[in-house]
Amino acid sequence: MQLLYHSDSFVVVQFEAMAASPAPAEAGPRDEAAGGGYEIVDKFARKEIYLQGALADRFRQGVQALMQDSPQGVNPETLDDYIAGFTAMAQTPLSLH
């Protein structure tokens, strides 16, 4: 787990793919959750979303494109606007443990 971004509005954490363990030939496909992904927490809406698979790839590619377009660094408001597009799908309320 690695903290990638933290602002007044959002927190983005990357979860690395777990190492694949040798599986018996009769085992099914590898669990998608083991592929890693991004957890985005919307602080104001108090909701979170976990992106994996194709959606996580799209998120990563979008952030990389923003970085390439701004050699001096991405404006935090621009990055927050981009992230907000993904948190609009968030359904899981935050809970403290």
Protein backbone atom coordinates (compact mmCIF):
# COMPACT_ATOMS: atom_id res chain seq x y z
CA MET A 1 0.00 0.00 0.00
CA GLN A 2 1.38 3.39 -0.99
CA LEU A 3 -0.11 6.85 -0.45
CA LEU A 4 -0.07 8.57 -3.85
CA TYR A 5 -2.07 11.73 -3.30
CA HIS A 6 -3.53 13.67 -0.41
CA SER A 7 -5.47 16.92 -0.66
CA ASP A 8 -8.23 18.68 1.26
CA SER A 9 -10.74 16.75 -0.87
CA PHE A 10 -9.24 13.34 -1.69
CA VAL A 11 -6.83 10.61 -0.67
CA VAL A 12 -5.53 8.15 -3.27
CA VAL A 13 -3.79 4.95 -2.17
CA GLN A 14 -2.26 2.37 -4.49
CA PHE A 15 -2.44 -1.31 -3.60
CA GLU A 16 0.22 -3.42 -5.30
CA ALA A 17 -0.58 -6.73 -6.91
CA MET A 18 0.01 -9.67 -4.62
CA ALA A 19 2.60 -12.16 -5.78
CA ALA A 20 0.95 -15.00 -7.60
CA SER A 21 1.38 -18.28 -5.78
CA PRO A 22 1.65 -21.53 -7.68
CA ALA A 23 -1.84 -22.93 -8.04
CA PRO A 24 -2.99 -26.43 -8.89
CA ALA A 25 -3.94 -26.96 -12.51
CA GLU A 26 -7.61 -27.38 -11.56
CA ALA A 27 -7.73 -23.97 -9.85
CA GLY A 28 -9.75 -21.24 -11.53
CA PRO A 29 -8.43 -17.91 -12.78
CA ARG A 30 -6.54 -15.72 -10.37
CA ASP A 31 -8.66 -13.52 -8.14
CA GLU A 32 -8.98 -10.01 -9.67
CA ALA A 33 -8.51 -8.39 -6.26
CA ALA A 34 -4.96 -9.79 -6.27
CA GLY A 35 -4.21 -7.60 -9.30
CA GLY A 36 -3.83 -4.43 -7.26
CA GLY A 37 -5.65 -1.17 -7.74
CA TYR A 38 -6.42 2.26 -6.33
CA GLU A 39 -8.57 3.27 -3.41
CA ILE A 40 -9.94 6.81 -3.64
CA VAL A 41 -11.50 8.46 -0.59
CA ASP A 42 -13.72 11.49 -1.10
CA LYS A 43 -13.41 13.35 2.19
CA PHE A 44 -16.39 15.66 1.67
CA ALA A 45 -18.83 13.00 0.47
CA ARG A 46 -17.42 10.58 3.07
CA LYS A 47 -17.37 7.77 0.51
CA GLU A 48 -14.70 5.62 -1.08
CA ILE A 49 -14.23 3.58 -4.22
CA TYR A 50 -11.75 0.87 -5.15
CA LEU A 51 -10.62 0.80 -8.77
CA GLN A 52 -9.14 -2.34 -10.28
CA GLY A 53 -8.66 -3.88 -13.68
CA ALA A 54 -9.49 -1.76 -16.73
CA LEU A 55 -10.85 1.10 -14.64
CA ALA A 56 -7.63 1.28 -12.60
CA ASP A 57 -5.64 1.29 -15.86
CA ARG A 58 -7.77 4.16 -17.19
CA PHE A 59 -7.26 6.11 -13.95
CA ARG A 60 -3.47 5.61 -14.08
CA GLN A 61 -3.27 6.57 -17.76
CA GLY A 62 -5.30 9.73 -17.13
CA VAL A 63 -3.04 10.82 -14.29
CA GLN A 64 0.04 10.12 -16.44
CA ALA A 65 -1.44 12.21 -19.25
CA LEU A 66 -2.05 15.09 -16.84
CA MET A 67 1.56 14.85 -15.66
CA GLN A 68 2.89 14.87 -19.24
CA ASP A 69 0.77 17.90 -20.11
CA SER A 70 2.16 19.87 -17.15
CA PRO A 71 5.96 19.59 -16.95
CA GLN A 72 6.00 22.07 -14.03
CA GLY A 73 3.63 19.87 -12.06
CA VAL A 74 -0.09 19.29 -12.05
CA ASN A 75 -2.27 21.96 -10.47
CA PRO A 76 -3.98 20.38 -7.41
CA GLU A 77 -7.37 21.71 -8.56
CA THR A 78 -6.94 20.01 -11.94
CA LEU A 79 -6.04 16.73 -10.29
CA ASP A 80 -8.95 17.01 -7.86
CA ASP A 81 -11.32 17.61 -10.80
CA TYR A 82 -10.00 14.51 -12.55
CA ILE A 83 -10.33 12.37 -9.41
CA ALA A 84 -13.87 13.68 -8.82
CA GLY A 85 -14.90 12.06 -12.09
CA PHE A 86 -14.15 8.66 -10.56
CA THR A 87 -15.59 9.33 -7.12
CA ALA A 88 -18.96 10.12 -8.67
CA MET A 89 -19.34 6.32 -8.81
CA ALA A 90 -18.47 5.84 -5.11
CA GLN A 91 -21.13 4.01 -3.17
CA THR A 92 -19.27 2.77 -0.10
CA PRO A 93 -19.66 5.04 2.93
CA LEU A 94 -16.58 5.58 5.08
CA SER A 95 -16.50 3.87 8.43
CA LEU A 96 -14.01 4.17 11.21
CA HIS A 97 -12.64 1.04 12.79
